[in-house]
C-alpha cells in the first residue's frame, strides 16, 4: 500500500481521531481540518492525494467546501469522498468521487485507499527557487506580502538548516520530521517549489523508515537551501 497524503475534514474531534488513528497505523500522512473553511485554506497551501470530507458542518458545509476545493488548480483532480451519517447521492454533487457512511468500515477504507493513486508530480528544474506565479496566487496578488514572507524565510533558513542537520546527526527521526514539517509549511507559503519537493521526499523516506536514505535526503536539502540562499535580496521582485 502506497503512503498517501490524506486530509481529514470533520468538525467532530472524535471522528477525526478515529480516522487519523487508523490511517497513521497504515503509515499515511494525515492532516486534520475542523471546518469546511479550514479545509479550503489548507488546500490552498498543500497538496493531498485524498480528501475525506464530512458533510454537516457550519458555517461552510462539506458540499460547498468540496466544490470550492475542486476549483483550486492543485486539487481539480483530487478525489474527495463524502463522509456522512446518512447515505449521500453524489449524482447532483460531482465534486465527490463517492460517499461513505459513518462509522467507516476499515476494510472499505483500505479498499478506497488502495484504489487511490499517489500524486507523482513531474520533476521540474527550477531556475528560480521560487515559483513567482504561485507566490502571487498565495498572496492574492499582493507583492508586498510576497516580499516580506520571502525575506523572513531566507533570513530564518540558516538556523533551520542547523537544527535539521543536528537532529539528523543525532538520529532523532521523530523530532526531525516535526522540524521538516515546520519548514515545509514555510516553503509552501513562500512558493519555494524546489525546496518543498525536497522536503516532501525527505519526510516520505522517514515515514517509510528508510533511514539508509537519510544522508542522500540531507544532501539534497542542503543543496536546495544553498540555491535559495544564493538569491539576491528579495526587493523589487515584480
C-alpha atoms as a PDB file:
ATOM      1  CA  UNK A   1       0.000   0.000   0.000  1.00  0.00           C
ATOM      2  CA  UNK A   2       1.411   3.377  -1.029  1.00  0.00           C
ATOM      3  CA  UNK A   3       1.612   6.048   1.635  1.00  0.00           C
ATOM      4  CA  UNK A   4      -0.821   8.834   0.807  1.00  0.00           C
ATOM      5  CA  UNK A   5      -1.188  12.422   1.943  1.00  0.00           C
ATOM      6  CA  UNK A   6      -4.760  12.496   3.295  1.00  0.00           C
ATOM      7  CA  UNK A   7      -6.848  15.415   4.533  1.00  0.00           C
ATOM      8  CA  UNK A   8      -9.495  14.505   7.129  1.00  0.00           C
ATOM      9  CA  UNK A   9     -12.214  17.139   7.462  1.00  0.00           C
ATOM     10  CA  UNK A  10     -14.719  16.883  10.304  1.00  0.00           C
ATOM     11  CA  UNK A  11     -15.986  19.278  12.974  1.00  0.00           C
ATOM     12  CA  UNK A  12     -16.145  16.419  15.495  1.00  0.00           C
ATOM     13  CA  UNK A  13     -12.715  15.761  17.025  1.00  0.00           C
ATOM     14  CA  UNK A  14     -13.665  12.176  17.931  1.00  0.00           C
ATOM     15  CA  UNK A  15     -14.437  11.386  14.294  1.00  0.00           C
ATOM     16  CA  UNK A  16     -11.137  12.947  13.235  1.00  0.00           C
ATOM     17  CA  UNK A  17      -9.236  10.983  15.867  1.00  0.00           C
ATOM     18  CA  UNK A  18     -10.882   7.729  14.751  1.00  0.00           C
ATOM     19  CA  UNK A  19      -9.802   8.212  11.148  1.00  0.00           C
ATOM     20  CA  UNK A  20      -6.371   9.586  11.992  1.00  0.00           C
ATOM     21  CA  UNK A  21      -5.622   6.630  14.259  1.00  0.00           C
ATOM     22  CA  UNK A  22      -6.454   4.115  11.535  1.00  0.00           C
ATOM     23  CA  UNK A  23      -4.691   5.988   8.755  1.00  0.00           C
ATOM     24  CA  UNK A  24      -1.492   6.632  10.703  1.00  0.00           C
ATOM     25  CA  UNK A  25      -1.379   2.949  11.679  1.00  0.00           C
ATOM     26  CA  UNK A  26      -1.197   2.323   7.937  1.00  0.00           C
ATOM     27  CA  UNK A  27       1.627   4.900   7.748  1.00  0.00           C
ATOM     28  CA  UNK A  28      -0.265   7.524   5.769  1.00  0.00           C
ATOM     29  CA  UNK A  29       0.389  11.245   6.254  1.00  0.00           C
ATOM     30  CA  UNK A  30      -2.734  12.771   7.842  1.00  0.00           C
ATOM     31  CA  UNK A  31      -3.682  16.435   8.070  1.00  0.00           C
ATOM     32  CA  UNK A  32      -6.791  17.493  10.002  1.00  0.00           C
ATOM     33  CA  UNK A  33      -9.265  20.320   9.389  1.00  0.00           C
ATOM     34  CA  UNK A  34     -12.168  21.059  11.730  1.00  0.00           C
ATOM     35  CA  UNK A  35     -14.328  23.014   9.273  1.00  0.00           C
ATOM     36  CA  UNK A  36     -15.015  23.485   5.589  1.00  0.00           C
ATOM     37  CA  UNK A  37     -13.341  26.892   5.614  1.00  0.00           C
ATOM     38  CA  UNK A  38     -10.243  25.448   7.302  1.00  0.00           C
ATOM     39  CA  UNK A  39     -10.100  22.657   4.716  1.00  0.00           C
ATOM     40  CA  UNK A  40     -10.247  25.151   1.873  1.00  0.00           C
ATOM     41  CA  UNK A  41      -7.482  27.218   3.459  1.00  0.00           C
ATOM     42  CA  UNK A  42      -5.112  24.283   3.932  1.00  0.00           C
ATOM     43  CA  UNK A  43      -5.812  23.002   0.404  1.00  0.00           C
ATOM     44  CA  UNK A  44      -4.628  26.330  -0.996  1.00  0.00           C
ATOM     45  CA  UNK A  45      -1.234  25.660   0.581  1.00  0.00           C
ATOM     46  CA  UNK A  46      -0.847  21.891   0.426  1.00  0.00           C
ATOM     47  CA  UNK A  47      -1.385  19.004  -1.974  1.00  0.00           C
ATOM     48  CA  UNK A  48      -3.283  15.882  -0.955  1.00  0.00           C
ATOM     49  CA  UNK A  49      -3.836  12.520  -2.610  1.00  0.00           C
ATOM     50  CA  UNK A  50      -7.232  12.026  -0.950  1.00  0.00           C
ATOM     51  CA  UNK A  51      -9.726  14.145   0.997  1.00  0.00           C
ATOM     52  CA  UNK A  52     -12.285  12.660   3.406  1.00  0.00           C
ATOM     53  CA  UNK A  53     -14.983  15.304   3.814  1.00  0.00           C
ATOM     54  CA  UNK A  54     -17.692  15.476   6.465  1.00  0.00           C
ATOM     55  CA  UNK A  55     -20.951  16.912   5.125  1.00  0.00           C
ATOM     56  CA  UNK A  56     -22.782  18.565   8.029  1.00  0.00           C
ATOM     57  CA  UNK A  57     -20.530  21.423   9.178  1.00  0.00           C
ATOM     58  CA  UNK A  58     -21.075  25.086   9.931  1.00  0.00           C
ATOM     59  CA  UNK A  59     -20.810  27.724   8.622  1.00  0.00           C
ATOM     60  CA  UNK A  60     -19.419  26.162   5.388  1.00  0.00           C
ATOM     61  CA  UNK A  61     -20.750  22.643   4.826  1.00  0.00           C
ATOM     62  CA  UNK A  62     -18.799  19.837   3.195  1.00  0.00           C
ATOM     63  CA  UNK A  63     -20.630  20.090  -0.128  1.00  0.00           C
ATOM     64  CA  UNK A  64     -19.679  23.756  -0.515  1.00  0.00           C
ATOM     65  CA  UNK A  65     -16.123  23.178   0.722  1.00  0.00           C
ATOM     66  CA  UNK A  66     -15.573  20.312  -1.718  1.00  0.00           C
ATOM     67  CA  UNK A  67     -16.917  22.383  -4.608  1.00  0.00           C
ATOM     68  CA  UNK A  68     -14.536  25.238  -3.779  1.00  0.00           C
ATOM     69  CA  UNK A  69     -11.576  22.895  -3.343  1.00  0.00           C
ATOM     70  CA  UNK A  70     -12.197  21.396  -6.784  1.00  0.00           C
ATOM     71  CA  UNK A  71     -11.807  24.881  -8.253  1.00  0.00           C
ATOM     72  CA  UNK A  72      -8.219  25.059  -6.985  1.00  0.00           C
ATOM     73  CA  UNK A  73      -5.659  24.233  -9.645  1.00  0.00           C
ATOM     74  CA  UNK A  74      -3.745  21.850  -7.389  1.00  0.00           C
ATOM     75  CA  UNK A  75      -6.888  19.926  -6.410  1.00  0.00           C
ATOM     76  CA  UNK A  76      -9.087  19.879  -9.517  1.00  0.00           C
ATOM     77  CA  UNK A  77      -8.364  16.141  -9.874  1.00  0.00           C
ATOM     78  CA  UNK A  78      -8.007  15.195  -6.209  1.00  0.00           C
ATOM     79  CA  UNK A  79     -10.589  12.570  -5.160  1.00  0.00           C
ATOM     80  CA  UNK A  80     -12.901  13.891  -2.453  1.00  0.00           C
ATOM     81  CA  UNK A  81     -15.004  11.337  -0.590  1.00  0.00           C
ATOM     82  CA  UNK A  82     -18.142  12.447   1.230  1.00  0.00           C
ATOM     83  CA  UNK A  83     -18.345  11.030   4.753  1.00  0.00           C
ATOM     84  CA  UNK A  84     -21.717  11.362   6.467  1.00  0.00           C
ATOM     85  CA  UNK A  85     -24.021   9.735   8.978  1.00  0.00           C
ATOM     86  CA  UNK A  86     -26.552   9.228   6.179  1.00  0.00           C
ATOM     87  CA  UNK A  87     -26.008   7.996   2.600  1.00  0.00           C
ATOM     88  CA  UNK A  88     -25.383  10.829   0.130  1.00  0.00           C
ATOM     89  CA  UNK A  89     -26.368  10.671  -3.529  1.00  0.00           C
ATOM     90  CA  UNK A  90     -23.314  12.038  -5.347  1.00  0.00           C
ATOM     91  CA  UNK A  91     -25.120  12.420  -8.676  1.00  0.00           C
ATOM     92  CA  UNK A  92     -26.011  16.103  -8.110  1.00  0.00           C
ATOM     93  CA  UNK A  93     -22.610  16.670  -6.457  1.00  0.00           C
ATOM     94  CA  UNK A  94     -19.903  15.744  -8.996  1.00  0.00           C
ATOM     95  CA  UNK A  95     -17.217  17.210  -6.739  1.00  0.00           C
ATOM     96  CA  UNK A  96     -17.379  13.924  -4.801  1.00  0.00           C
ATOM     97  CA  UNK A  97     -15.843  10.704  -6.095  1.00  0.00           C
ATOM     98  CA  UNK A  98     -18.110   8.644  -3.866  1.00  0.00           C
ATOM     99  CA  UNK A  99     -19.747   8.693  -0.438  1.00  0.00           C
ATOM    100  CA  UNK A 100     -19.231   6.599   2.675  1.00  0.00           C
ATOM    101  CA  UNK A 101     -21.387   6.245   5.780  1.00  0.00           C
ATOM    102  CA  UNK A 102     -20.056   6.739   9.319  1.00  0.00           C
ATOM    103  CA  UNK A 103     -18.570   4.942  11.103  1.00  0.00           C
ATOM    104  CA  UNK A 104     -16.268   3.905   8.275  1.00  0.00           C
ATOM    105  CA  UNK A 105     -15.589   0.211   7.906  1.00  0.00           C
ATOM    106  CA  UNK A 106     -11.826  -0.422   7.941  1.00  0.00           C
ATOM    107  CA  UNK A 107     -11.943  -2.861   5.034  1.00  0.00           C
ATOM    108  CA  UNK A 108     -13.913  -0.384   2.923  1.00  0.00           C
ATOM    109  CA  UNK A 109     -11.488   2.381   3.856  1.00  0.00           C
ATOM    110  CA  UNK A 110      -8.489   0.225   2.976  1.00  0.00           C
ATOM    111  CA  UNK A 111     -10.027  -0.653  -0.392  1.00  0.00           C
ATOM    112  CA  UNK A 112     -10.641   3.030  -1.080  1.00  0.00           C
ATOM    113  CA  UNK A 113      -7.030   3.893  -0.299  1.00  0.00           C
ATOM    114  CA  UNK A 114      -5.634   1.023  -2.333  1.00  0.00           C
ATOM    115  CA  UNK A 115      -7.512   2.366  -5.352  1.00  0.00           C
ATOM    116  CA  UNK A 116      -6.291   5.935  -4.827  1.00  0.00           C
ATOM    117  CA  UNK A 117      -3.141   6.725  -6.816  1.00  0.00           C
ATOM    118  CA  UNK A 118      -0.487   8.822  -5.138  1.00  0.00           C
ATOM    119  CA  UNK A 119       0.352  12.085  -6.840  1.00  0.00           C
ATOM    120  CA  UNK A 120       3.735  11.865  -8.503  1.00  0.00           C
ATOM    121  CA  UNK A 121       4.468  15.338  -9.760  1.00  0.00           C
ATOM    122  CA  UNK A 122       6.797  15.640 -12.702  1.00  0.00           C
ATOM    123  CA  UNK A 123      10.314  16.566 -11.747  1.00  0.00           C
ATOM    124  CA  UNK A 124      10.781  20.188 -12.664  1.00  0.00           C
ATOM    125  CA  UNK A 125      14.024  22.091 -12.708  1.00  0.00           C
ATOM    126  CA  UNK A 126      13.574  25.483 -11.140  1.00  0.00           C
ATOM    127  CA  UNK A 127      15.997  28.168 -12.341  1.00  0.00           C
ATOM    128  CA  UNK A 128      14.348  30.404  -9.770  1.00  0.00           C
ATOM    129  CA  UNK A 129      13.852  28.511  -6.495  1.00  0.00           C
ATOM    130  CA  UNK A 130      10.619  30.470  -6.017  1.00  0.00           C
ATOM    131  CA  UNK A 131       7.550  29.993  -8.193  1.00  0.00           C
ATOM    132  CA  UNK A 132       6.552  33.615  -8.780  1.00  0.00           C
ATOM    133  CA  UNK A 133       3.137  32.785 -10.231  1.00  0.00           C
ATOM    134  CA  UNK A 134       2.262  30.581  -7.273  1.00  0.00           C
ATOM    135  CA  UNK A 135       3.610  33.176  -4.833  1.00  0.00           C
ATOM    136  CA  UNK A 136       1.244  35.775  -6.251  1.00  0.00           C
ATOM    137  CA  UNK A 137      -1.675  33.325  -6.120  1.00  0.00           C
ATOM    138  CA  UNK A 138      -0.984  32.546  -2.458  1.00  0.00           C
ATOM    139  CA  UNK A 139      -0.731  36.245  -1.556  1.00  0.00           C
ATOM    140  CA  UNK A 140      -3.795  37.155  -3.660  1.00  0.00           C
ATOM    141  CA  UNK A 141      -1.628  39.372  -5.865  1.00  0.00           C
ATOM    142  CA  UNK A 142      -0.060  41.337  -3.013  1.00  0.00           C
ATOM    143  CA  UNK A 143       3.633  41.695  -3.959  1.00  0.00           C
ATOM    144  CA  UNK A 144       4.448  43.339  -0.635  1.00  0.00           C
ATOM    145  CA  UNK A 145       3.322  40.204   1.213  1.00  0.00           C
ATOM    146  CA  UNK A 146       5.404  38.048  -1.154  1.00  0.00           C
ATOM    147  CA  UNK A 147       8.487  40.143  -0.447  1.00  0.00           C
ATOM    148  CA  UNK A 148       8.023  40.156   3.334  1.00  0.00           C
ATOM    149  CA  UNK A 149       7.399  36.404   3.557  1.00  0.00           C
ATOM    150  CA  UNK A 150      10.350  35.599   1.321  1.00  0.00           C
ATOM    151  CA  UNK A 151      12.700  37.905   3.235  1.00  0.00           C
ATOM    152  CA  UNK A 152      11.748  36.248   6.533  1.00  0.00           C
ATOM    153  CA  UNK A 153      12.046  32.755   5.048  1.00  0.00           C
ATOM    154  CA  UNK A 154      15.563  33.414   3.728  1.00  0.00           C
ATOM    155  CA  UNK A 155      16.591  35.059   6.999  1.00  0.00           C
ATOM    156  CA  UNK A 156      15.485  32.064   9.097  1.00  0.00           C
ATOM    157  CA  UNK A 157      16.719  29.352   6.706  1.00  0.00           C
ATOM    158  CA  UNK A 158      20.327  29.066   8.025  1.00  0.00           C
ATOM    159  CA  UNK A 159      19.041  28.482  11.559  1.00  0.00           C
ATOM    160  CA  UNK A 160      16.562  25.881  10.298  1.00  0.00           C
ATOM    161  CA  UNK A 161      19.348  24.144   8.387  1.00  0.00           C
ATOM    162  CA  UNK A 162      21.406  23.899  11.559  1.00  0.00           C
ATOM    163  CA  UNK A 163      18.509  22.403  13.547  1.00  0.00           C
ATOM    164  CA  UNK A 164      17.757  19.837  10.832  1.00  0.00           C
ATOM    165  CA  UNK A 165      21.386  18.793  10.473  1.00  0.00           C
ATOM    166  CA  UNK A 166      21.766  18.350  14.246  1.00  0.00           C
ATOM    167  CA  UNK A 167      18.604  16.245  14.510  1.00  0.00           C
ATOM    168  CA  UNK A 168      19.751  14.165  11.552  1.00  0.00           C
ATOM    169  CA  UNK A 169      23.231  13.599  13.007  1.00  0.00           C
ATOM    170  CA  UNK A 170      21.685  12.533  16.329  1.00  0.00           C
ATOM    171  CA  UNK A 171      19.215  10.237  14.534  1.00  0.00           C
ATOM    172  CA  UNK A 172      16.247  11.871  16.263  1.00  0.00           C
ATOM    173  CA  UNK A 173      13.922  10.899  13.433  1.00  0.00           C
ATOM    174  CA  UNK A 174      10.611  11.889  15.036  1.00  0.00           C
ATOM    175  CA  UNK A 175      11.882  15.345  16.003  1.00  0.00           C
ATOM    176  CA  UNK A 176      13.487  15.679  12.591  1.00  0.00           C
ATOM    177  CA  UNK A 177      10.159  15.010  10.879  1.00  0.00           C
ATOM    178  CA  UNK A 178       8.498  17.712  13.011  1.00  0.00           C
ATOM    179  CA  UNK A 179      11.207  20.201  12.035  1.00  0.00           C
ATOM    180  CA  UNK A 180      10.906  19.279   8.358  1.00  0.00           C
ATOM    181  CA  UNK A 181       7.126  19.670   8.611  1.00  0.00           C
ATOM    182  CA  UNK A 182       7.555  23.158  10.061  1.00  0.00           C
ATOM    183  CA  UNK A 183       9.944  24.221   7.307  1.00  0.00           C
ATOM    184  CA  UNK A 184       7.774  22.574   4.653  1.00  0.00           C
ATOM    185  CA  UNK A 185       4.855  24.792   5.664  1.00  0.00           C
ATOM    186  CA  UNK A 186       7.023  27.901   5.343  1.00  0.00           C
ATOM    187  CA  UNK A 187       8.382  26.761   1.982  1.00  0.00           C
ATOM    188  CA  UNK A 188       4.868  26.218   0.630  1.00  0.00           C
ATOM    189  CA  UNK A 189       3.638  29.627   1.762  1.00  0.00           C
ATOM    190  CA  UNK A 190       6.691  31.230   0.109  1.00  0.00           C
ATOM    191  CA  UNK A 191       6.243  29.121  -3.052  1.00  0.00           C
ATOM    192  CA  UNK A 192       9.756  27.679  -2.747  1.00  0.00           C
ATOM    193  CA  UNK A 193       8.821  24.909  -5.170  1.00  0.00           C
ATOM    194  CA  UNK A 194      12.116  23.015  -5.326  1.00  0.00           C
ATOM    195  CA  UNK A 195      12.585  23.097  -1.556  1.00  0.00           C
ATOM    196  CA  UNK A 196       9.008  21.890  -0.991  1.00  0.00           C
ATOM    197  CA  UNK A 197       9.591  18.903  -3.260  1.00  0.00           C
ATOM    198  CA  UNK A 198      12.852  18.019  -1.473  1.00  0.00           C
ATOM    199  CA  UNK A 199      11.216  18.247   1.961  1.00  0.00           C
ATOM    200  CA  UNK A 200       8.245  16.118   0.893  1.00  0.00           C
ATOM    201  CA  UNK A 201      10.599  13.375  -0.293  1.00  0.00           C
ATOM    202  CA  UNK A 202      12.719  13.660   2.873  1.00  0.00           C
ATOM    203  CA  UNK A 203       9.650  13.185   5.083  1.00  0.00           C
ATOM    204  CA  UNK A 204       8.395  10.314   2.926  1.00  0.00           C
ATOM    205  CA  UNK A 205      11.658   8.432   3.433  1.00  0.00           C
ATOM    206  CA  UNK A 206      11.406   8.963   7.196  1.00  0.00           C
ATOM    207  CA  UNK A 207       7.788   7.778   7.256  1.00  0.00           C
ATOM    208  CA  UNK A 208       8.830   4.647   5.357  1.00  0.00           C
ATOM    209  CA  UNK A 209      11.684   4.196   7.857  1.00  0.00           C
ATOM    210  CA  UNK A 210      14.192   4.353   5.008  1.00  0.00           C
ATOM    211  CA  UNK A 211      16.834   5.788   7.286  1.00  0.00           C
ATOM    212  CA  UNK A 212      19.518   4.477   4.949  1.00  0.00           C
ATOM    213  CA  UNK A 213      18.344   7.186   2.521  1.00  0.00           C
ATOM    214  CA  UNK A 214      18.587   9.975   5.080  1.00  0.00           C
ATOM    215  CA  UNK A 215      22.106  11.035   4.058  1.00  0.00           C
ATOM    216  CA  UNK A 216      21.021  11.484   0.452  1.00  0.00           C
ATOM    217  CA  UNK A 217      17.926  13.406   1.578  1.00  0.00           C
ATOM    218  CA  UNK A 218      20.008  15.675   3.793  1.00  0.00           C
ATOM    219  CA  UNK A 219      22.417  16.386   0.933  1.00  0.00           C
ATOM    220  CA  UNK A 220      19.547  17.299  -1.409  1.00  0.00           C
ATOM    221  CA  UNK A 221      18.041  19.518   1.272  1.00  0.00           C
ATOM    222  CA  UNK A 222      21.314  21.383   1.769  1.00  0.00           C
ATOM    223  CA  UNK A 223      21.669  21.879  -1.991  1.00  0.00           C
ATOM    224  CA  UNK A 224      18.132  23.254  -2.228  1.00  0.00           C
ATOM    225  CA  UNK A 225      18.799  25.578   0.703  1.00  0.00           C
ATOM    226  CA  UNK A 226      22.076  26.755  -0.845  1.00  0.00           C
ATOM    227  CA  UNK A 227      20.251  27.700  -4.051  1.00  0.00           C
ATOM    228  CA  UNK A 228      17.785  29.803  -2.084  1.00  0.00           C
ATOM    229  CA  UNK A 229      20.493  31.495  -0.045  1.00  0.00           C
ATOM    230  CA  UNK A 230      22.374  32.439  -3.243  1.00  0.00           C
ATOM    231  CA  UNK A 231      19.405  34.528  -4.335  1.00  0.00           C
ATOM    232  CA  UNK A 232      19.782  38.325  -4.189  1.00  0.00           C
ATOM    233  CA  UNK A 233      17.771  40.153  -1.519  1.00  0.00           C
ATOM    234  CA  UNK A 234      14.063  39.970  -2.499  1.00  0.00           C
ATOM    235  CA  UNK A 235      13.456  43.638  -3.310  1.00  0.00           C
ATOM    236  CA  UNK A 236      11.543  44.921  -6.343  1.00  0.00           C
ATOM    237  CA  UNK A 237      10.607  41.380  -7.251  1.00  0.00           C
ATOM    238  CA  UNK A 238       7.869  42.230  -9.751  1.00  0.00           C
END
